Protein backbone atom coordinates (compact mmCIF):
# COMPACT_ATOMS: atom_id res chain seq x y z
CA MET A 1 0.00 0.00 0.00
CA ARG A 2 0.97 3.58 -0.45
CA LEU A 3 -0.45 7.03 0.20
CA ALA A 4 -1.75 9.38 -2.48
CA ARG A 5 -3.71 12.61 -2.78
CA VAL A 6 -6.75 12.76 -5.11
CA MET A 7 -6.19 15.36 -7.83
CA GLY A 8 -9.24 14.93 -10.06
CA THR A 9 -11.52 12.61 -11.99
CA VAL A 10 -11.32 10.82 -15.32
CA VAL A 11 -14.31 10.51 -17.67
CA MET A 12 -14.35 7.69 -20.24
CA THR A 13 -16.87 7.27 -23.02
CA GLN A 14 -15.84 3.70 -23.80
CA LYS A 15 -14.24 1.05 -21.62
CA LEU A 16 -14.19 -2.68 -20.98
CA ALA A 17 -17.50 -4.13 -19.84
CA SER A 18 -15.90 -5.25 -16.53
CA LEU A 19 -15.22 -1.56 -15.76
CA THR A 20 -18.80 -0.39 -16.30
CA GLY A 21 -19.98 1.61 -13.31
CA GLN A 22 -16.47 2.03 -11.91
CA ARG A 23 -15.15 5.50 -11.02
CA PHE A 24 -11.64 6.59 -11.96
CA LEU A 25 -9.58 9.25 -10.17
CA ILE A 26 -6.21 10.88 -10.82
CA VAL A 27 -3.98 10.47 -7.77
CA GLN A 28 -0.60 11.90 -6.81
CA PRO A 29 1.54 9.55 -4.69
CA VAL A 30 2.78 11.29 -1.53
CA THR A 31 5.03 10.59 1.45
CA ALA A 32 3.68 10.33 5.00
CA ALA A 33 4.65 14.00 5.34
CA GLY A 34 2.44 14.87 2.35
CA LYS A 35 5.18 15.63 -0.19
CA SER A 36 4.86 14.43 -3.80
CA ASN A 37 6.49 11.06 -4.35
CA GLY A 38 6.31 10.00 -7.99
CA GLU A 39 4.17 10.64 -11.03
CA PRO A 40 0.36 10.98 -10.89
CA PHE A 41 -1.65 8.04 -12.22
CA VAL A 42 -5.24 6.84 -12.64
CA ALA A 43 -6.74 4.58 -9.96
CA LEU A 44 -10.11 2.88 -9.53
CA ASP A 45 -12.09 4.28 -6.60
CA THR A 46 -13.86 1.90 -4.20
CA VAL A 47 -14.52 4.38 -1.37
CA SER A 48 -16.01 7.49 -3.08
CA ALA A 49 -12.94 9.62 -2.38
CA GLY A 50 -13.06 13.32 -3.18
CA ARG A 51 -10.62 15.83 -4.62
CA GLY A 52 -7.87 16.72 -2.15
CA GLU A 53 -8.42 13.71 0.11
CA LEU A 54 -5.55 11.55 1.28
CA VAL A 55 -6.13 7.92 0.28
CA SER A 56 -4.51 4.51 0.54
CA ILE A 57 -3.81 2.67 -2.70
CA VAL A 58 -3.08 -0.97 -3.44
CA GLU A 59 -1.31 -1.66 -6.71
CA LYS A 60 -0.57 -4.33 -9.29
CA ARG A 61 -2.48 -7.61 -8.86
CA GLU A 62 -3.69 -6.66 -5.38
CA GLY A 63 -5.44 -3.65 -6.96
CA ALA A 64 -7.72 -5.97 -8.92
CA LYS A 65 -8.34 -8.26 -5.94
CA ALA A 66 -10.12 -5.43 -4.12
CA PHE A 67 -13.03 -6.08 -6.49
CA GLY A 68 -13.02 -9.85 -6.02
CA GLU A 69 -12.44 -10.39 -9.73
CA ASN A 70 -9.41 -11.95 -11.35
CA ASP A 71 -9.90 -10.36 -14.77
CA LEU A 72 -10.45 -6.72 -13.76
CA PRO A 73 -7.60 -4.65 -15.21
CA SER A 74 -6.42 -2.33 -12.44
CA ASP A 75 -2.89 -1.16 -11.71
CA GLY A 76 -4.07 0.87 -8.73
CA THR A 77 -7.17 0.81 -6.55
CA ILE A 78 -8.17 3.26 -3.82
CA VAL A 79 -9.19 1.19 -0.79
CA ALA A 80 -9.32 3.74 2.06
CA ILE A 81 -9.65 7.43 2.87
CA ILE A 82 -6.97 8.40 5.39
CA ASP A 83 -8.10 10.59 8.29
CA GLU A 84 -4.73 11.04 9.97
CA VAL A 85 -1.09 9.99 9.61
CA ARG A 86 0.96 9.74 12.80
CA SER A 87 4.70 9.28 12.94
CA VAL A 88 6.07 6.33 14.87
CA LYS A 89 9.01 6.97 17.18
């Protein structure tokens, strides 16, 4: 898992049937301190996250497993909205 900030939405006029009804968001990976950490990418949204929210993302094969389907093409899936990040000492 990694943290990301929601930057916006993606609208698609055509997509695979297995993606019908799914929402796509543009996310910016961030560090625990909130600084950008990599390039933005598109992720499937399972939690109705909004613009500016901090979210947790699972990637690669685990991203598709969040939907319980083996054939859903997803490189990244939003699985949680983060309320707070605390440092561990």
